[in-house]
Amino acid sequence: MDVRFDWNDYYDLSCDLLENYPTGLSDAAYRCAVSRAYYAVFGLAREHAEHHDKLTLHQKGSDHRRVHTHFRESADKTRHQIGLNIERLLAQRRTADYDAATSITKKTAELSLAEAEATLRLLKKLGPRT
């Protein structure tokens, strides 16, 4: 039985983390929400780029740049916007994951999730998962 992970589950988890977290862990929850929202978008964009566009990826950190560049450099307006959004979400994810000096507020996390949701809608317009 071949069961694939549904990247949308990361987005759903992100939304849940904004409202449901243990007392005293709001900063960690907001950081996780930003990070998982990015990975929801990246996972679906990567699958699309590999399966529909035949982009060769290497299962390495450099794939993050390759995926957003692949979309951003497209002449198609929707694909270009997806690339720009992924690039911004990646920057937000890096801040959330690596920059302890920067505060990640609920508002910051909500803005990241809104951008992730918009990007997921754009990705859906490109066609179904394979």
Protein backbone atom coordinates (compact mmCIF):
# COMPACT_ATOMS: atom_id res chain seq x y z
CA MET A 1 0.00 0.00 0.00
CA ASP A 2 1.55 3.29 -1.14
CA VAL A 3 0.42 6.08 1.16
CA ARG A 4 1.84 9.52 0.41
CA PHE A 5 2.09 12.30 2.93
CA ASP A 6 -0.39 15.09 2.28
CA TRP A 7 1.55 18.36 2.46
CA ASN A 8 -1.70 20.19 3.19
CA ASP A 9 -1.60 18.55 6.63
CA TYR A 10 1.33 20.85 7.49
CA TYR A 11 -0.82 23.86 6.66
CA ASP A 12 -3.67 22.51 8.80
CA LEU A 13 -1.24 21.94 11.66
CA SER A 14 0.03 25.51 11.29
CA CYS A 15 -3.47 26.88 11.65
CA ASP A 16 -4.06 24.74 14.72
CA LEU A 17 -0.79 25.88 16.31
CA LEU A 18 -1.95 29.50 16.23
CA GLU A 19 -4.81 28.74 18.60
CA ASN A 20 -3.93 25.56 20.48
CA TYR A 21 -0.61 25.43 22.27
CA PRO A 22 0.51 24.73 25.84
CA THR A 23 0.70 27.68 28.22
CA GLY A 24 3.96 29.57 27.89
CA LEU A 25 4.84 28.16 24.50
CA SER A 26 3.31 30.77 22.21
CA ASP A 27 6.64 31.81 20.67
CA ALA A 28 7.51 28.19 19.87
CA ALA A 29 4.02 27.59 18.46
CA TYR A 30 4.17 30.66 16.23
CA ARG A 31 7.64 29.69 14.99
CA CYS A 32 6.47 26.16 14.22
CA ALA A 33 3.38 27.52 12.45
CA VAL A 34 5.51 29.69 10.15
CA SER A 35 7.91 26.82 9.46
CA ARG A 36 5.25 24.19 8.73
CA ALA A 37 3.26 26.60 6.54
CA TYR A 38 6.36 27.06 4.38
CA TYR A 39 6.88 23.30 4.13
CA ALA A 40 3.26 22.75 3.11
CA VAL A 41 3.80 25.10 0.15
CA PHE A 42 7.29 23.87 -0.64
CA GLY A 43 6.26 20.21 -0.58
CA LEU A 44 3.40 20.71 -3.03
CA ALA A 45 5.42 23.05 -5.26
CA ARG A 46 8.31 20.58 -5.34
CA GLU A 47 5.98 17.72 -6.30
CA HIS A 48 4.46 19.81 -9.07
CA ALA A 49 7.85 20.90 -10.40
CA GLU A 50 9.17 17.33 -10.39
CA HIS A 51 6.13 15.49 -11.74
CA HIS A 52 4.48 18.00 -14.07
CA ASP A 53 7.43 20.15 -15.15
CA LYS A 54 10.08 17.40 -14.96
CA LEU A 55 12.43 19.57 -12.88
CA THR A 56 15.36 17.47 -11.66
CA LEU A 57 15.92 17.83 -7.93
CA HIS A 58 18.54 16.23 -5.70
CA GLN A 59 16.89 15.89 -2.26
CA LYS A 60 19.29 18.52 -0.88
CA GLY A 61 18.97 21.94 0.69
CA SER A 62 19.66 23.54 -2.68
CA ASP A 63 16.29 22.22 -3.88
CA HIS A 64 14.57 25.03 -1.98
CA ARG A 65 16.21 27.64 -4.20
CA ARG A 66 15.77 25.55 -7.32
CA VAL A 67 12.02 25.22 -6.74
CA HIS A 68 11.28 28.89 -6.06
CA THR A 69 13.57 29.96 -8.90
CA HIS A 70 11.85 27.49 -11.26
CA PHE A 71 8.48 29.12 -10.57
CA ARG A 72 9.71 32.71 -10.25
CA GLU A 73 11.47 32.67 -13.62
CA SER A 74 8.35 31.51 -15.45
CA ALA A 75 6.71 33.87 -17.94
CA ASP A 76 3.34 32.62 -16.65
CA LYS A 77 1.93 35.15 -14.17
CA THR A 78 0.55 32.53 -11.75
CA ARG A 79 3.78 30.53 -11.69
CA HIS A 80 5.84 33.69 -11.27
CA GLN A 81 3.71 34.71 -8.28
CA ILE A 82 4.08 31.25 -6.75
CA GLY A 83 7.86 31.61 -7.00
CA LEU A 84 7.84 35.03 -5.35
CA ASN A 85 5.60 33.76 -2.56
CA ILE A 86 7.77 30.70 -1.92
CA GLU A 87 10.84 32.92 -1.74
CA ARG A 88 9.20 35.16 0.89
CA LEU A 89 7.88 32.19 2.85
CA LEU A 90 11.36 30.64 2.85
CA ALA A 91 12.84 33.84 4.30
CA GLN A 92 10.13 33.88 6.98
CA ARG A 93 10.77 30.19 7.74
CA ARG A 94 14.50 30.80 8.12
CA THR A 95 13.83 33.65 10.54
CA ALA A 96 11.43 31.51 12.55
CA ASP A 97 13.80 28.52 12.62
CA TYR A 98 17.17 30.20 13.08
CA ASP A 99 16.86 33.76 14.42
CA ALA A 100 16.21 33.57 18.16
CA ALA A 101 16.65 37.34 18.51
CA THR A 102 13.67 38.09 16.27
CA SER A 103 10.25 37.87 17.88
CA ILE A 104 7.64 35.87 16.00
CA THR A 105 4.27 37.24 17.04
CA LYS A 106 0.85 35.82 16.39
CA LYS A 107 0.33 38.56 13.78
CA THR A 108 3.58 37.59 12.03
CA ALA A 109 2.49 33.95 11.97
CA GLU A 110 -0.99 34.89 10.70
CA LEU A 111 0.54 36.86 7.83
CA SER A 112 2.76 33.90 6.88
CA LEU A 113 -0.22 31.55 6.98
CA ALA A 114 -2.28 33.91 4.82
CA GLU A 115 0.50 33.98 2.23
CA ALA A 116 0.84 30.20 2.40
CA GLU A 117 -2.91 29.77 1.91
CA ALA A 118 -2.89 32.08 -1.11
CA THR A 119 0.05 30.16 -2.58
CA LEU A 120 -1.66 26.81 -2.02
CA ARG A 121 -4.67 28.15 -3.94
CA LEU A 122 -2.39 29.21 -6.81
CA LEU A 123 -0.74 25.78 -6.86
CA LYS A 124 -4.18 24.14 -7.08
CA LYS A 125 -4.89 26.19 -10.19
CA LEU A 126 -1.92 24.51 -11.88
CA GLY A 127 -3.57 21.10 -11.74
CA PRO A 128 -4.04 18.06 -9.54
CA ARG A 129 -1.32 16.21 -7.65
CA THR A 130 0.08 13.16 -9.37
